[in-house]
Amino acid sequence: MQVRVLFFGVLKDLAGRSSDVLSLPDHATAADVIDRYLQQFSNRGEIFKSVAISVNQQYARPEDHLRAGDEVGLLPPVSGGSNEPVNRTNQRVFLTREKIDTQAFLETIKRPEDGAVVVFEGIVRNHSRGRRTLFLQYEAYEAMALSQLNSLVDRALADFQVREVALVHRIGRLEIGETSVLIVVSSAHRSAAFDACRWVIDTLKRTVPIWKKEHFEDGAVWSDGEPFPDVSTLVGARRPALSEVEGSSPAPNQVTNPEKLASNRIVPR
């Protein structure tokens, strides 16, 4: 059988391409994909020790079985203008290549019943690793990132006493001082909003497939991230058993292109 393998971040640089079509025996597992590339890149095998695996845009365990046509993502640890935002799945979560207008986005979220609105902005700073940073580039496994971000928002709304959680993440090239990620949490009371906002950004940095490349005067490097947690602890992670999916096909990607955030004043649900 054949599966499509996607590379991201440092793995894309190592492979010299963004994807492969890989032939595997029937009943191969996700671990078999890793083994193939360990053999191919034996001199850089240490990179694969911290790689997470996704199958059809869901985190997977090494022992999960694959089917013909599966999309397998090899995910290195994540980092911790008027172009249209590239994708969305609902009006709470966005990936965008345009500058983030924090004030405009905030005004779409605040309601009279809110006693607190907590805003977190991740900002591109001008130094890292003891060197002057020129700019950053963010790359995402877009469909999976959107799914994971939506799961984070749903989990935060369920676990914290907050009215609304919304976030925007930039991808592409970012200049010094620009906002890379914006999280807005509204609630009746400040403590819940602070707790939810901190949980969302901390979990996002560990689990959502978005990578950061730092560009300096003397070169560029992908930002080191923490190894992924065990897949059973990841928000939204589930791989059905082979018996559940035999003969079925992955759900189609429901991602669409949204209007501009600031100009059209999109109101989150």
C-alpha atoms as a PDB file:
ATOM      1  CA  MET A   1       0.000   0.000   0.000  1.00  0.00           C
ATOM      2  CA  GLN A   2       0.996   3.626  -0.381  1.00  0.00           C
ATOM      3  CA  VAL A   3       0.732   6.471   2.136  1.00  0.00           C
ATOM      4  CA  ARG A   4       1.562  10.160   1.805  1.00  0.00           C
ATOM      5  CA  VAL A   5       4.173  11.415   4.258  1.00  0.00           C
ATOM      6  CA  LEU A   6       4.431  15.109   5.151  1.00  0.00           C
ATOM      7  CA  PHE A   7       7.578  16.761   6.534  1.00  0.00           C
ATOM      8  CA  PHE A   8       7.634  19.946   8.601  1.00  0.00           C
ATOM      9  CA  GLY A   9      10.206  22.258  10.140  1.00  0.00           C
ATOM     10  CA  VAL A  10      13.701  20.830  10.441  1.00  0.00           C
ATOM     11  CA  LEU A  11      12.561  17.523   8.916  1.00  0.00           C
ATOM     12  CA  LYS A  12      11.584  19.312   5.710  1.00  0.00           C
ATOM     13  CA  ASP A  13      15.057  20.827   5.518  1.00  0.00           C
ATOM     14  CA  LEU A  14      16.653  17.442   6.189  1.00  0.00           C
ATOM     15  CA  ALA A  15      14.588  15.640   3.553  1.00  0.00           C
ATOM     16  CA  GLY A  16      14.884  18.467   1.014  1.00  0.00           C
ATOM     17  CA  ARG A  17      11.169  18.189   0.257  1.00  0.00           C
ATOM     18  CA  SER A  18       7.829  18.675   1.927  1.00  0.00           C
ATOM     19  CA  SER A  19       6.260  15.285   1.186  1.00  0.00           C
ATOM     20  CA  ASP A  20       6.859  11.733   0.021  1.00  0.00           C
ATOM     21  CA  VAL A  21       4.754   8.879  -1.285  1.00  0.00           C
ATOM     22  CA  LEU A  22       5.887   5.803   0.634  1.00  0.00           C
ATOM     23  CA  SER A  23       5.179   2.168  -0.247  1.00  0.00           C
ATOM     24  CA  LEU A  24       4.613  -0.065   2.773  1.00  0.00           C
ATOM     25  CA  PRO A  25       3.424  -3.633   3.345  1.00  0.00           C
ATOM     26  CA  ASP A  26      -0.186  -4.215   4.297  1.00  0.00           C
ATOM     27  CA  HIS A  27      -0.877  -3.756   8.018  1.00  0.00           C
ATOM     28  CA  ALA A  28       2.160  -1.497   8.439  1.00  0.00           C
ATOM     29  CA  THR A  29       2.148   0.789  11.464  1.00  0.00           C
ATOM     30  CA  ALA A  30       3.078   4.408  12.021  1.00  0.00           C
ATOM     31  CA  ALA A  31       6.340   3.189  13.565  1.00  0.00           C
ATOM     32  CA  ASP A  32       7.246   1.567  10.237  1.00  0.00           C
ATOM     33  CA  VAL A  33       7.236   5.017   8.623  1.00  0.00           C
ATOM     34  CA  ILE A  34       9.691   6.302  11.229  1.00  0.00           C
ATOM     35  CA  ASP A  35      11.884   3.224  10.685  1.00  0.00           C
ATOM     36  CA  ARG A  36      12.073   3.900   6.950  1.00  0.00           C
ATOM     37  CA  TYR A  37      13.385   7.409   7.496  1.00  0.00           C
ATOM     38  CA  LEU A  38      15.724   6.337  10.283  1.00  0.00           C
ATOM     39  CA  GLN A  39      17.371   4.092   7.708  1.00  0.00           C
ATOM     40  CA  GLN A  40      17.407   6.812   5.073  1.00  0.00           C
ATOM     41  CA  PHE A  41      18.834   9.471   7.396  1.00  0.00           C
ATOM     42  CA  SER A  42      20.882   7.260   9.709  1.00  0.00           C
ATOM     43  CA  ASN A  43      23.447  10.011  10.278  1.00  0.00           C
ATOM     44  CA  ARG A  44      20.720  12.264  11.748  1.00  0.00           C
ATOM     45  CA  GLY A  45      18.723   9.626  13.572  1.00  0.00           C
ATOM     46  CA  GLU A  46      18.668  11.583  16.839  1.00  0.00           C
ATOM     47  CA  ILE A  47      16.156  13.990  15.299  1.00  0.00           C
ATOM     48  CA  PHE A  48      13.559  11.237  15.074  1.00  0.00           C
ATOM     49  CA  LYS A  49      13.705  10.454  18.806  1.00  0.00           C
ATOM     50  CA  SER A  50      11.444  13.412  19.566  1.00  0.00           C
ATOM     51  CA  VAL A  51       9.216  13.291  16.470  1.00  0.00           C
ATOM     52  CA  ALA A  52       5.464  12.939  16.937  1.00  0.00           C
ATOM     53  CA  ILE A  53       3.290  11.184  14.364  1.00  0.00           C
ATOM     54  CA  SER A  54      -0.098  12.151  13.007  1.00  0.00           C
ATOM     55  CA  VAL A  55      -2.382  10.076  10.802  1.00  0.00           C
ATOM     56  CA  ASN A  56      -5.070  11.900   8.838  1.00  0.00           C
ATOM     57  CA  GLN A  57      -4.523  15.013  10.990  1.00  0.00           C
ATOM     58  CA  GLN A  58      -4.865  13.282  14.349  1.00  0.00           C
ATOM     59  CA  TYR A  59      -2.016  12.443  16.704  1.00  0.00           C
ATOM     60  CA  ALA A  60      -1.228   8.742  16.510  1.00  0.00           C
ATOM     61  CA  ARG A  61       0.658   6.106  18.479  1.00  0.00           C
ATOM     62  CA  PRO A  62       3.557   4.243  16.838  1.00  0.00           C
ATOM     63  CA  GLU A  63       1.591   0.990  16.989  1.00  0.00           C
ATOM     64  CA  ASP A  64      -1.431   2.367  15.125  1.00  0.00           C
ATOM     65  CA  HIS A  65      -2.065   0.565  11.844  1.00  0.00           C
ATOM     66  CA  LEU A  66      -2.115   2.449   8.558  1.00  0.00           C
ATOM     67  CA  ARG A  67      -4.373   2.122   5.537  1.00  0.00           C
ATOM     68  CA  ALA A  68      -3.716   2.831   1.888  1.00  0.00           C
ATOM     69  CA  GLY A  69      -4.076   6.522   1.186  1.00  0.00           C
ATOM     70  CA  ASP A  70      -3.432   7.668   4.766  1.00  0.00           C
ATOM     71  CA  GLU A  71      -1.720  11.025   5.285  1.00  0.00           C
ATOM     72  CA  VAL A  72       1.103  10.638   7.790  1.00  0.00           C
ATOM     73  CA  GLY A  73       2.676  13.732   9.319  1.00  0.00           C
ATOM     74  CA  LEU A  74       6.153  13.615  10.864  1.00  0.00           C
ATOM     75  CA  LEU A  75       6.108  16.418  13.411  1.00  0.00           C
ATOM     76  CA  PRO A  76       9.256  17.730  15.100  1.00  0.00           C
ATOM     77  CA  PRO A  77       8.766  19.418  18.483  1.00  0.00           C
ATOM     78  CA  VAL A  78       6.771  22.584  18.011  1.00  0.00           C
ATOM     79  CA  SER A  79       8.108  26.001  18.882  1.00  0.00           C
ATOM     80  CA  GLY A  80       7.420  26.463  21.726  1.00  0.00           C
ATOM     81  CA  GLY A  81      -0.233  43.872   4.054  1.00  0.00           C
ATOM     82  CA  SER A  82      -3.742  42.850   3.180  1.00  0.00           C
ATOM     83  CA  ASN A  83      -3.569  39.153   2.413  1.00  0.00           C
ATOM     84  CA  GLU A  84      -6.594  37.111   3.380  1.00  0.00           C
ATOM     85  CA  PRO A  85      -6.384  34.877   6.470  1.00  0.00           C
ATOM     86  CA  VAL A  86      -5.596  31.491   4.989  1.00  0.00           C
ATOM     87  CA  ASN A  87      -8.017  29.214   6.807  1.00  0.00           C
ATOM     88  CA  ARG A  88     -10.577  28.829   9.538  1.00  0.00           C
ATOM     89  CA  THR A  89     -12.917  26.205  10.872  1.00  0.00           C
ATOM     90  CA  ASN A  90     -15.091  28.529  12.933  1.00  0.00           C
ATOM     91  CA  GLN A  91     -15.063  32.136  14.056  1.00  0.00           C
ATOM     92  CA  ARG A  92     -13.061  31.550  17.227  1.00  0.00           C
ATOM     93  CA  VAL A  93      -9.826  30.321  15.652  1.00  0.00           C
ATOM     94  CA  PHE A  94      -7.783  31.722  12.771  1.00  0.00           C
ATOM     95  CA  LEU A  95      -4.501  31.211  10.974  1.00  0.00           C
ATOM     96  CA  THR A  96      -3.498  34.315   9.065  1.00  0.00           C
ATOM     97  CA  ARG A  97      -0.706  35.801   6.995  1.00  0.00           C
ATOM     98  CA  GLU A  98      -1.826  39.370   7.616  1.00  0.00           C
ATOM     99  CA  LYS A  99      -0.825  41.575  10.531  1.00  0.00           C
ATOM    100  CA  ILE A 100      -2.973  40.974  13.590  1.00  0.00           C
ATOM    101  CA  ASP A 101      -5.014  43.993  14.665  1.00  0.00           C
ATOM    102  CA  THR A 102      -5.362  43.309  18.384  1.00  0.00           C
ATOM    103  CA  GLN A 103      -7.695  46.176  19.199  1.00  0.00           C
ATOM    104  CA  ALA A 104     -10.067  45.427  16.329  1.00  0.00           C
ATOM    105  CA  PHE A 105     -10.233  41.754  17.271  1.00  0.00           C
ATOM    106  CA  LEU A 106     -10.743  42.578  20.945  1.00  0.00           C
ATOM    107  CA  GLU A 107     -13.684  44.854  20.175  1.00  0.00           C
ATOM    108  CA  THR A 108     -15.487  42.009  18.417  1.00  0.00           C
ATOM    109  CA  ILE A 109     -15.327  39.861  21.549  1.00  0.00           C
ATOM    110  CA  LYS A 110     -16.151  42.111  24.524  1.00  0.00           C
ATOM    111  CA  ARG A 111     -19.733  41.991  25.803  1.00  0.00           C
ATOM    112  CA  PRO A 112     -21.587  43.977  28.496  1.00  0.00           C
ATOM    113  CA  GLU A 113     -21.804  40.890  30.718  1.00  0.00           C
ATOM    114  CA  ASP A 114     -17.994  40.509  30.842  1.00  0.00           C
ATOM    115  CA  GLY A 115     -16.236  41.621  34.001  1.00  0.00           C
ATOM    116  CA  ALA A 116     -12.787  40.798  32.599  1.00  0.00           C
ATOM    117  CA  VAL A 117     -11.074  40.314  29.275  1.00  0.00           C
ATOM    118  CA  VAL A 118      -7.544  38.920  29.337  1.00  0.00           C
ATOM    119  CA  VAL A 119      -5.381  39.447  26.252  1.00  0.00           C
ATOM    120  CA  PHE A 120      -2.124  37.623  25.531  1.00  0.00           C
ATOM    121  CA  GLU A 121       0.100  38.674  22.628  1.00  0.00           C
ATOM    122  CA  GLY A 122       3.217  36.805  21.580  1.00  0.00           C
ATOM    123  CA  ILE A 123       5.613  39.381  20.072  1.00  0.00           C
ATOM    124  CA  VAL A 124       8.610  38.906  17.777  1.00  0.00           C
ATOM    125  CA  ARG A 125      11.619  40.142  19.741  1.00  0.00           C
ATOM    126  CA  ASN A 126      14.881  41.404  18.263  1.00  0.00           C
ATOM    127  CA  HIS A 127      17.238  38.874  19.840  1.00  0.00           C
ATOM    128  CA  SER A 128      17.539  35.137  20.478  1.00  0.00           C
ATOM    129  CA  ARG A 129      20.360  32.704  21.258  1.00  0.00           C
ATOM    130  CA  GLY A 130      22.649  35.647  21.979  1.00  0.00           C
ATOM    131  CA  ARG A 131      22.255  36.994  18.426  1.00  0.00           C
ATOM    132  CA  ARG A 132      20.267  39.734  16.775  1.00  0.00           C
ATOM    133  CA  THR A 133      17.113  38.421  15.161  1.00  0.00           C
ATOM    134  CA  LEU A 134      16.250  39.769  11.713  1.00  0.00           C
ATOM    135  CA  PHE A 135      12.814  38.178  11.286  1.00  0.00           C
ATOM    136  CA  LEU A 136      10.896  34.961  11.944  1.00  0.00           C
ATOM    137  CA  GLN A 137       9.071  32.502   9.728  1.00  0.00           C
ATOM    138  CA  TYR A 138       6.194  30.403  11.037  1.00  0.00           C
ATOM    139  CA  GLU A 139       5.077  27.209   9.326  1.00  0.00           C
ATOM    140  CA  ALA A 140       2.009  25.148  10.211  1.00  0.00           C
ATOM    141  CA  TYR A 141       0.414  21.853   9.315  1.00  0.00           C
ATOM    142  CA  GLU A 142      -2.584  24.051   8.677  1.00  0.00           C
ATOM    143  CA  ALA A 143      -5.556  21.702   8.715  1.00  0.00           C
ATOM    144  CA  MET A 144      -4.283  19.834  11.759  1.00  0.00           C
ATOM    145  CA  ALA A 145      -3.262  23.051  13.541  1.00  0.00           C
ATOM    146  CA  LEU A 146      -6.774  24.431  13.111  1.00  0.00           C
ATOM    147  CA  SER A 147      -8.271  21.236  14.460  1.00  0.00           C
ATOM    148  CA  GLN A 148      -5.968  21.279  17.472  1.00  0.00           C
ATOM    149  CA  LEU A 149      -6.571  24.979  18.141  1.00  0.00           C
ATOM    150  CA  ASN A 150     -10.316  24.455  18.042  1.00  0.00           C
ATOM    151  CA  SER A 151      -9.938  21.555  20.467  1.00  0.00           C
ATOM    152  CA  LEU A 152      -7.976  23.821  22.810  1.00  0.00           C
ATOM    153  CA  VAL A 153     -10.716  26.445  22.707  1.00  0.00           C
ATOM    154  CA  ASP A 154     -13.457  23.871  23.283  1.00  0.00           C
ATOM    155  CA  ARG A 155     -11.529  22.385  26.204  1.00  0.00           C
ATOM    156  CA  ALA A 156     -10.912  25.796  27.767  1.00  0.00           C
ATOM    157  CA  LEU A 157     -14.604  26.696  27.501  1.00  0.00           C
ATOM    158  CA  ALA A 158     -15.544  23.394  29.149  1.00  0.00           C
ATOM    159  CA  ASP A 159     -12.938  23.448  31.929  1.00  0.00           C
ATOM    160  CA  PHE A 160     -12.863  27.120  32.952  1.00  0.00           C
ATOM    161  CA  GLN A 161     -15.655  29.467  33.969  1.00  0.00           C
ATOM    162  CA  VAL A 162     -15.237  31.743  30.941  1.00  0.00           C
ATOM    163  CA  ARG A 163     -17.688  33.043  28.372  1.00  0.00           C
ATOM    164  CA  GLU A 164     -15.452  33.149  25.293  1.00  0.00           C
ATOM    165  CA  VAL A 165     -12.002  32.132  24.090  1.00  0.00           C
ATOM    166  CA  ALA A 166     -10.647  33.191  20.700  1.00  0.00           C
ATOM    167  CA  LEU A 167      -7.216  33.148  19.125  1.00  0.00           C
ATOM    168  CA  VAL A 168      -5.312  34.115  16.003  1.00  0.00           C
ATOM    169  CA  HIS A 169      -1.908  32.741  14.970  1.00  0.00           C
ATOM    170  CA  ARG A 170       0.289  34.210  12.263  1.00  0.00           C
ATOM    171  CA  ILE A 171       2.113  32.076   9.731  1.00  0.00           C
ATOM    172  CA  GLY A 172       4.626  33.161   7.131  1.00  0.00           C
ATOM    173  CA  ARG A 173       7.199  35.911   7.622  1.00  0.00           C
ATOM    174  CA  LEU A 174       6.965  38.146  10.716  1.00  0.00           C
ATOM    175  CA  GLU A 175       9.015  41.260  11.373  1.00  0.00           C
ATOM    176  CA  ILE A 176      10.374  42.459  14.712  1.00  0.00           C
ATOM    177  CA  GLY A 177       7.611  43.800  16.966  1.00  0.00           C
ATOM    178  CA  GLU A 178       4.771  42.056  15.159  1.00  0.00           C
ATOM    179  CA  THR A 179       2.269  39.842  16.955  1.00  0.00           C
ATOM    180  CA  SER A 180       2.710  36.128  16.306  1.00  0.00           C
ATOM    181  CA  VAL A 181      -0.204  34.872  18.413  1.00  0.00           C
ATOM    182  CA  LEU A 182      -3.181  36.592  20.017  1.00  0.00           C
ATOM    183  CA  ILE A 183      -5.389  34.948  22.637  1.00  0.00           C
ATOM    184  CA  VAL A 184      -8.446  36.684  24.069  1.00  0.00           C
ATOM    185  CA  VAL A 185     -10.441  35.275  26.989  1.00  0.00           C
ATOM    186  CA  SER A 186     -13.564  36.921  28.406  1.00  0.00           C
ATOM    187  CA  SER A 187     -15.387  36.039  31.600  1.00  0.00           C
ATOM    188  CA  ALA A 188     -17.385  37.477  34.448  1.00  0.00           C
ATOM    189  CA  HIS A 189     -14.395  37.235  36.799  1.00  0.00           C
ATOM    190  CA  ARG A 190     -10.693  37.873  36.189  1.00  0.00           C
ATOM    191  CA  SER A 191      -9.256  34.773  37.873  1.00  0.00           C
ATOM    192  CA  ALA A 192     -10.943  32.363  35.457  1.00  0.00           C
ATOM    193  CA  ALA A 193      -9.876  34.443  32.466  1.00  0.00           C
ATOM    194  CA  PHE A 194      -6.238  34.527  33.605  1.00  0.00           C
ATOM    195  CA  ASP A 195      -6.193  30.773  34.299  1.00  0.00           C
ATOM    196  CA  ALA A 196      -7.749  29.867  30.956  1.00  0.00           C
ATOM    197  CA  CYS A 197      -5.473  32.161  28.968  1.00  0.00           C
ATOM    198  CA  ARG A 198      -2.332  30.757  30.603  1.00  0.00           C
ATOM    199  CA  TRP A 199      -3.496  27.181  29.993  1.00  0.00           C
ATOM    200  CA  VAL A 200      -4.260  27.848  26.311  1.00  0.00           C
ATOM    201  CA  ILE A 201      -0.883  29.418  25.469  1.00  0.00           C
ATOM    202  CA  ASP A 202       1.113  26.842  27.439  1.00  0.00           C
ATOM    203  CA  THR A 203      -0.718  23.927  25.813  1.00  0.00           C
ATOM    204  CA  LEU A 204      -0.575  25.512  22.350  1.00  0.00           C
ATOM    205  CA  LYS A 205       3.210  25.849  22.579  1.00  0.00           C
ATOM    206  CA  ARG A 206       3.619  22.155  23.425  1.00  0.00           C
ATOM    207  CA  THR A 207       1.093  20.460  21.172  1.00  0.00           C
ATOM    208  CA  VAL A 208      -0.112  22.449  18.152  1.00  0.00           C
ATOM    209  CA  PRO A 209       1.846  21.709  14.925  1.00  0.00           C
ATOM    210  CA  ILE A 210       3.253  25.191  14.281  1.00  0.00           C
ATOM    211  CA  TRP A 211       7.006  25.695  13.888  1.00  0.00           C
ATOM    212  CA  LYS A 212       9.226  28.769  14.108  1.00  0.00           C
ATOM    213  CA  LYS A 213      12.391  29.472  12.098  1.00  0.00           C
ATOM    214  CA  GLU A 214      14.635  32.235  13.414  1.00  0.00           C
ATOM    215  CA  HIS A 215      16.652  34.233  10.891  1.00  0.00           C
ATOM    216  CA  PHE A 216      19.907  35.924  11.938  1.00  0.00           C
ATOM    217  CA  GLU A 217      22.611  37.835  10.068  1.00  0.00           C
ATOM    218  CA  ASP A 218      24.747  34.693   9.854  1.00  0.00           C
ATOM    219  CA  GLY A 219      22.088  32.080   9.106  1.00  0.00           C
ATOM    220  CA  ALA A 220      18.787  30.582  10.254  1.00  0.00           C
ATOM    221  CA  VAL A 221      17.701  27.839  12.633  1.00  0.00           C
ATOM    222  CA  TRP A 222      14.447  26.117  13.541  1.00  0.00           C
ATOM    223  CA  SER A 223      13.474  26.873  17.133  1.00  0.00           C
ATOM    224  CA  ASP A 224      13.976  23.987  19.525  1.00  0.00           C
ATOM    225  CA  GLY A 225      10.827  22.741  21.179  1.00  0.00           C
ATOM    226  CA  GLU A 226       9.972  20.316  23.950  1.00  0.00           C
ATOM    227  CA  PRO A 227       9.321  16.692  22.961  1.00  0.00           C
ATOM    228  CA  PHE A 228       5.619  16.031  22.449  1.00  0.00           C
ATOM    229  CA  PRO A 229       3.741  14.653  25.465  1.00  0.00           C
ATOM    230  CA  ASP A 230       2.435  11.107  25.333  1.00  0.00           C
ATOM    231  CA  VAL A 231      -0.255  10.999  22.653  1.00  0.00           C
ATOM    232  CA  SER A 232      -2.911   9.892  25.146  1.00  0.00           C
ATOM    233  CA  THR A 233      -2.596  13.249  26.925  1.00  0.00           C
ATOM    234  CA  LEU A 234      -2.881  15.438  23.829  1.00  0.00           C
ATOM    235  CA  VAL A 235      -6.030  17.504  23.398  1.00  0.00           C
ATOM    236  CA  GLY A 236      -8.248  16.029  20.701  1.00  0.00           C
ATOM    237  CA  ALA A 237      -6.056  12.964  20.179  1.00  0.00           C
ATOM    238  CA  ARG A 238      -7.781   9.783  19.118  1.00  0.00           C
ATOM    239  CA  ARG A 239      -6.971   7.116  16.589  1.00  0.00           C
ATOM    240  CA  PRO A 240      -9.792   4.618  15.979  1.00  0.00           C
ATOM    241  CA  ALA A 241      -8.933   0.946  16.027  1.00  0.00           C
ATOM    242  CA  LEU A 242      -8.359  -0.709  12.666  1.00  0.00           C
ATOM    243  CA  SER A 243     -11.609  -2.633  13.045  1.00  0.00           C
ATOM    244  CA  GLU A 244     -13.515   0.638  13.376  1.00  0.00           C
ATOM    245  CA  VAL A 245     -12.241   2.115  10.136  1.00  0.00           C
ATOM    246  CA  GLU A 246     -11.874  -0.844   7.829  1.00  0.00           C
ATOM    247  CA  GLY A 247     -13.214   0.182   4.461  1.00  0.00           C
ATOM    248  CA  SER A 248     -13.890   3.757   5.544  1.00  0.00           C
ATOM    249  CA  SER A 249     -12.175   6.889   4.300  1.00  0.00           C
ATOM    250  CA  PRO A 250     -10.887   9.932   6.213  1.00  0.00           C
ATOM    251  CA  ALA A 251     -13.347  12.732   6.782  1.00  0.00           C
ATOM    252  CA  PRO A 252     -12.995  15.499   4.208  1.00  0.00           C
ATOM    253  CA  ASN A 253     -11.271  18.697   5.212  1.00  0.00           C
ATOM    254  CA  GLN A 254     -13.943  21.271   6.026  1.00  0.00           C
ATOM    255  CA  VAL A 255     -11.603  24.271   6.079  1.00  0.00           C
ATOM    256  CA  THR A 256     -12.730  27.406   4.252  1.00  0.00           C
ATOM    257  CA  ASN A 257     -11.289  30.842   3.623  1.00  0.00           C
ATOM    258  CA  PRO A 258     -12.576  33.642   5.875  1.00  0.00           C
ATOM    259  CA  GLU A 259     -12.967  37.337   5.406  1.00  0.00           C
ATOM    260  CA  LYS A 260     -10.445  39.757   6.834  1.00  0.00           C
ATOM    261  CA  LEU A 261     -10.545  39.956  10.607  1.00  0.00           C
ATOM    262  CA  ALA A 262     -10.277  43.693  11.106  1.00  0.00           C
ATOM    263  CA  SER A 263     -12.109  45.066   8.095  1.00  0.00           C
ATOM    264  CA  ASN A 264     -15.171  42.827   8.327  1.00  0.00           C
ATOM    265  CA  ARG A 265     -15.296  42.718  12.128  1.00  0.00           C
ATOM    266  CA  ILE A 266     -15.949  39.012  12.426  1.00  0.00           C
ATOM    267  CA  VAL A 267     -17.799  38.297  15.659  1.00  0.00           C
ATOM    268  CA  PRO A 268     -16.867  35.000  17.359  1.00  0.00           C
ATOM    269  CA  ARG A 269     -19.750  32.829  18.377  1.00  0.00           C
END
